[in-house]
Each structure stands twice: as C-alpha cells, then as structure tokens.
Amino acid sequence: MITGASRGIGAATARCFAARGWALQLLARDGSALAAMAGDLRRQGAVVHWAAVDLSEADDVAAGVETLLALGGAPGVLINNAGVGYTAPLATMSLQDWLWLVQLNLTSVLQVTQTALPGMRLAGGGLIINISSHAADQAFPEWGGYGMTKAALAAFSRSLALEEASQGIRVTTVTLGAVNTPLWDTPTVHADLDRRAMLDPDNVAHALLQLAEQPPKQRIENLTLLPAAGAL
C-alpha cells in the first residue's frame, strides 16, 4: 500500500514494485492520475487497486484505506509517502496552514497506519515505511514547520516499532535529502535549488524495494539517502 501514489516518489515506487511482481494498493488525491497509472500497470500484468482520497480531510482518510483493504486485503508493506512541502517563517505562518501541514504530513500517517494495522497483525506482520526528510535533522530557514512534521514522524516511527515488534511488524524511517519531484513546483514551496543535483525518484523507489525485500527477521530502523552534493 502506497500513499501519495499519483506522482513523484509514490508513482515511481508503484512502477518499481509492479515490475517486481507486487500487487499494489494505491492511495492519492488525484483520482484521474491514479486511474491512468493503474490502467498502464494493469496492461503490464500488475494487480492494482486504488482509491482517491484527500488526506488533508481527516474524516475521509480511514474510509479510503478501508476501501483498499476490502479490495486487496492487508498490505504486507505499507509505505506512508504522502506529504506536502511548505516554506514560511514560523513567525508569520498562519494557524490554518499549520493545521493543514500537520494533518497531511503527520496526522494522516497515524490514521492510515491505525486503519491498516489490525489486518497486518492478523496476517502475522509486515513492514511499515515512513518517508521523512533531512529537514527533520537539519534546520533550514523557512522550513521549520515542515521539518517539525518530519521530526515528529521519525519519533512516531521509533515508538511504533517498539509497540508493534511483538506482532511481527517492522517500521523503517527513510530520511531523504532533496528529491526531484513535483513538490518543488507547488505554490507552498519557495526555494531556488539545482534540481539536476537532487535525488532521482526512481533511485529512491529501488531503495524502498530493497527494504521491502529484507528478511522478516531483520529490521532497518533508518535509511538515509542524500544527494552526492550534500544538502542542497
């Protein structure tokens, strides 16, 4: 199960896992993009279920996940990838923007995970991968709100790993440097960076596939991927 699957890292990950023979459960806001991608992957022989859900709407999240669970069963791997970039000084960031950012980058992860967990436990375990950011560990001007959500996500992952270990559920935080995705084109992000030096979504997707194919007795707590040029 992949959230934020219609573009960027999520779409690259869906294609990568499908090529390896994984059945997919895809969740994103853009239903048209999901339908088109699902059609392409099915023509290549993949099993794909999808649901269009706006994760910024807290009341809709659980129902979207439950739709996928009903169609495809409990996921062996849950990748909480969905999120939004946001830049603004903390001194002027509106409360409305703060709540929206926290819902998308943090609260929705809790909601998706809570909805998927019972089935994963009954199935004997699985892997949860939470996509975090280098901004969780290193401060950047005007990225404070975003970095806070990603730091909290890393703490969530560590606690969840301890709580669910007895159920056979492993949790990995993937900490990423800048990745060349549509995030940089969104109106909530103002940054002038060299996108040619950023990580490639396809390379990130292959790293996620390697995590998913680790032996069940082995848990990788954190995987960090940074551009060769360092923090951009």
Foldseek 3Di string as FASTA:
>chain_A
DEEPQLWFLNVLLVVVVLVVPDAEEYEEQDPVSVVVSVVVSVVVPHHYHYFHDDQLPVVTLLVRLVVSCVVPNADQEYEHDWAAAAFDAPVPDDPVNLSSRLSGLPVSVVSNCVNRPVRQLVVQEHEYEYEAEPLLVDPDHRRVSVNVSRVVVLVVQVVVQVVCVVSLYAYAYEYEAFELICSCVDPRDDDDDDNVQGHYSNVVSVVVVVQRPDDSVDHDHYHYDYGPVGHD
